[in-house]
Amino acid sequence: MERQNKFDRKEDQKEFVEKLVRLNRTAKTVKGGRRMSFSALTVVGDGKGRVGYGFGKANDVSEAIRKSIDRAKRNLIEVPVKNGTLPHDMVGNYKSSSIFLKPACAGTGIIAGGTVRAIMDSIGITDVISKSLGSSSPVNVVRATFAALTKLMDAKAVAKNRGKSLQEMWG
């Protein structure tokens, strides 16, 4: 029985969409020459509203990517998706980066920069408008986007917190 659960978990991990947002190479000069090191920023999502990001560093490219994907899978958040878009406008800030996310009508597509586009694809959102303000560093943009996504509220959760039904809230 336990073996079957482990097998199911491996199948579940295969259904994740993994996107490499940024791969950075750094060089350290040592006595024998330059020593290269790599850092990778990835976004992982299931296409059904769950998404996470991870940052990994290693001396090898594949090892850095593997580390970042593992960290992303450990830090998944749930995002409310309403008809392929976001439920409402939201602004997310992280340090000097600001991200404005706005829902869009069906057929609009993802109007966003590469970093935000990767996150929206991983979530499964098909229509959204976004604007990135301030710092364009991919790490800061990802963190600002996740700050905005964590503040999004689902209509059912709001109704429950207020002690009302959905019908009472929206008429």
Protein backbone atom coordinates (compact mmCIF):
# COMPACT_ATOMS: atom_id res chain seq x y z
CA MET A 1 0.00 0.00 0.00
CA GLU A 2 2.80 2.40 0.90
CA ARG A 3 4.66 1.63 -2.30
CA GLN A 4 1.58 2.55 -4.34
CA ASN A 5 1.41 5.97 -2.62
CA LYS A 6 5.04 6.71 -3.53
CA PHE A 7 4.30 5.72 -7.13
CA ASP A 8 1.27 8.02 -7.22
CA ARG A 9 3.40 10.90 -5.93
CA LYS A 10 5.94 10.42 -8.74
CA GLU A 11 3.15 10.49 -11.33
CA ASP A 12 1.81 13.67 -9.71
CA GLN A 13 5.22 15.34 -10.01
CA LYS A 14 5.39 14.57 -13.75
CA GLU A 15 2.27 16.60 -14.43
CA PHE A 16 3.99 19.84 -13.35
CA VAL A 17 4.96 22.42 -15.97
CA GLU A 18 8.55 23.50 -15.35
CA LYS A 19 9.79 26.79 -16.82
CA LEU A 20 13.30 28.15 -16.59
CA VAL A 21 13.02 31.91 -16.04
CA ARG A 22 16.69 32.84 -15.66
CA LEU A 23 20.02 31.05 -15.81
CA ASN A 24 22.96 33.09 -14.60
CA ARG A 25 26.67 32.29 -14.87
CA THR A 26 29.17 33.78 -12.46
CA ALA A 27 32.96 33.45 -12.58
CA LYS A 28 35.35 33.47 -9.67
CA THR A 29 39.01 34.00 -10.47
CA VAL A 30 41.24 31.56 -8.59
CA LYS A 31 44.91 30.59 -8.86
CA GLY A 32 44.29 28.10 -11.68
CA GLY A 33 41.98 30.35 -13.72
CA ARG A 34 38.26 31.04 -13.63
CA ARG A 35 35.85 28.88 -11.67
CA MET A 36 32.32 28.99 -13.09
CA SER A 37 29.19 28.78 -10.97
CA PHE A 38 25.55 28.81 -12.08
CA SER A 39 22.28 30.00 -10.57
CA ALA A 40 18.84 29.08 -11.90
CA LEU A 41 15.42 30.60 -11.28
CA THR A 42 12.50 28.33 -12.22
CA VAL A 43 8.72 28.39 -11.97
CA VAL A 44 6.70 25.19 -11.51
CA GLY A 45 2.93 24.87 -11.87
CA ASP A 46 0.26 22.27 -12.53
CA GLY A 47 -1.85 24.39 -14.90
CA LYS A 48 -4.79 24.19 -12.49
CA GLY A 49 -4.04 27.05 -10.09
CA ARG A 50 -1.00 25.80 -8.16
CA VAL A 51 2.36 27.47 -8.74
CA GLY A 52 5.72 27.88 -7.02
CA TYR A 53 9.15 29.32 -7.69
CA GLY A 54 12.63 28.21 -6.72
CA PHE A 55 16.18 29.51 -6.87
CA GLY A 56 19.15 27.13 -6.96
CA LYS A 57 22.91 27.52 -7.17
CA ALA A 58 25.53 24.94 -8.13
CA ASN A 59 28.79 24.46 -10.03
CA ASP A 60 26.89 22.61 -12.78
CA VAL A 61 23.97 23.90 -14.89
CA SER A 62 21.81 20.78 -14.59
CA GLU A 63 22.37 20.58 -10.83
CA ALA A 64 21.38 24.25 -10.37
CA ILE A 65 18.19 23.70 -12.41
CA ARG A 66 17.36 20.51 -10.47
CA LYS A 67 17.81 22.30 -7.13
CA SER A 68 15.61 25.22 -8.19
CA ILE A 69 12.85 22.88 -9.42
CA ASP A 70 12.92 20.94 -6.13
CA ARG A 71 12.62 24.18 -4.15
CA ALA A 72 9.79 25.36 -6.39
CA LYS A 73 7.82 22.16 -5.79
CA ARG A 74 8.20 22.64 -2.03
CA ASN A 75 6.86 26.22 -2.14
CA LEU A 76 3.60 25.81 -4.07
CA ILE A 77 0.76 28.28 -3.52
CA GLU A 78 -2.89 28.07 -4.56
CA VAL A 79 -4.15 30.81 -6.90
CA PRO A 80 -7.88 31.36 -7.53
CA VAL A 81 -8.58 31.19 -11.27
CA LYS A 82 -11.93 32.43 -12.58
CA ASN A 83 -12.80 31.55 -16.21
CA GLY A 84 -9.13 31.45 -17.25
CA THR A 85 -8.26 34.80 -15.66
CA LEU A 86 -7.75 36.41 -12.27
CA PRO A 87 -10.73 37.28 -10.04
CA HIS A 88 -9.72 40.95 -9.55
CA ASP A 89 -6.94 43.55 -9.97
CA MET A 90 -3.92 43.32 -7.71
CA VAL A 91 -0.59 45.06 -7.19
CA GLY A 92 2.40 43.20 -5.77
CA ASN A 93 5.58 44.78 -4.45
CA TYR A 94 8.96 43.34 -3.60
CA LYS A 95 11.83 45.75 -2.89
CA SER A 96 11.87 48.14 -5.88
CA SER A 97 9.80 45.92 -8.21
CA SER A 98 6.07 46.41 -8.61
CA ILE A 99 3.72 44.24 -10.64
CA PHE A 100 0.19 45.25 -11.64
CA LEU A 101 -2.06 42.29 -12.56
CA LYS A 102 -5.45 42.88 -14.17
CA PRO A 103 -8.04 40.34 -15.33
CA ALA A 104 -8.83 40.31 -19.05
CA CYS A 105 -11.79 39.08 -21.11
CA ALA A 106 -11.58 35.79 -22.99
CA GLY A 107 -9.41 35.89 -26.11
CA THR A 108 -7.08 38.63 -24.87
CA GLY A 109 -4.19 36.28 -24.13
CA ILE A 110 -1.32 36.84 -21.73
CA ILE A 111 -0.08 40.40 -22.11
CA ALA A 112 3.00 40.28 -19.90
CA GLY A 113 6.78 40.23 -19.92
CA GLY A 114 8.71 36.98 -20.07
CA THR A 115 8.99 36.47 -16.32
CA VAL A 116 5.31 37.11 -15.55
CA ARG A 117 4.27 35.17 -18.68
CA ALA A 118 6.08 32.05 -17.41
CA ILE A 119 4.24 32.28 -14.09
CA MET A 120 0.82 32.76 -15.73
CA ASP A 121 1.43 29.82 -18.10
CA SER A 122 2.36 27.62 -15.15
CA ILE A 123 -0.80 28.59 -13.25
CA GLY A 124 -3.03 27.90 -16.24
CA ILE A 125 -4.24 31.47 -16.72
CA THR A 126 -4.97 32.25 -20.38
CA ASP A 127 -6.11 35.90 -20.24
CA VAL A 128 -4.38 38.56 -18.15
CA ILE A 129 -2.87 42.02 -18.51
CA SER A 130 0.18 42.95 -16.47
CA LYS A 131 2.57 45.84 -16.12
CA SER A 132 5.98 45.66 -14.48
CA LEU A 133 7.21 48.84 -12.82
CA GLY A 134 10.55 49.58 -11.18
CA SER A 135 13.33 47.01 -11.08
CA SER A 136 13.32 44.48 -13.92
CA SER A 137 15.51 41.94 -12.11
CA PRO A 138 13.89 38.53 -12.76
CA VAL A 139 14.18 37.42 -9.11
CA ASN A 140 12.51 40.61 -7.84
CA VAL A 141 9.81 40.47 -10.53
CA VAL A 142 8.99 36.84 -9.62
CA ARG A 143 8.78 37.69 -5.92
CA ALA A 144 6.61 40.75 -6.61
CA THR A 145 4.30 38.63 -8.80
CA PHE A 146 3.99 36.00 -6.07
CA ALA A 147 3.27 38.77 -3.54
CA ALA A 148 0.36 39.86 -5.77
CA LEU A 149 -0.88 36.30 -6.31
CA THR A 150 -0.90 35.49 -2.59
CA LYS A 151 -3.11 38.56 -1.92
CA LEU A 152 -5.78 37.45 -4.44
CA MET A 153 -9.09 36.53 -2.82
CA ASP A 154 -11.57 33.90 -3.91
CA ALA A 155 -15.28 34.86 -3.85
CA LYS A 156 -16.19 31.74 -1.84
CA ALA A 157 -13.57 32.51 0.82
CA VAL A 158 -14.73 36.12 1.14
CA ALA A 159 -18.37 35.04 1.51
CA LYS A 160 -17.41 32.45 4.13
CA ASN A 161 -15.37 34.98 6.13
CA ARG A 162 -18.32 37.37 6.16
CA GLY A 163 -20.74 34.61 7.18
CA LYS A 164 -22.83 34.92 4.01
CA SER A 165 -23.59 32.78 1.00
CA LEU A 166 -22.47 33.58 -2.53
CA GLN A 167 -26.05 34.47 -3.44
CA GLU A 168 -26.27 37.03 -0.63
CA MET A 169 -22.94 38.60 -1.65
CA TRP A 170 -23.58 38.94 -5.37
CA GLY A 171 -27.36 39.03 -5.50
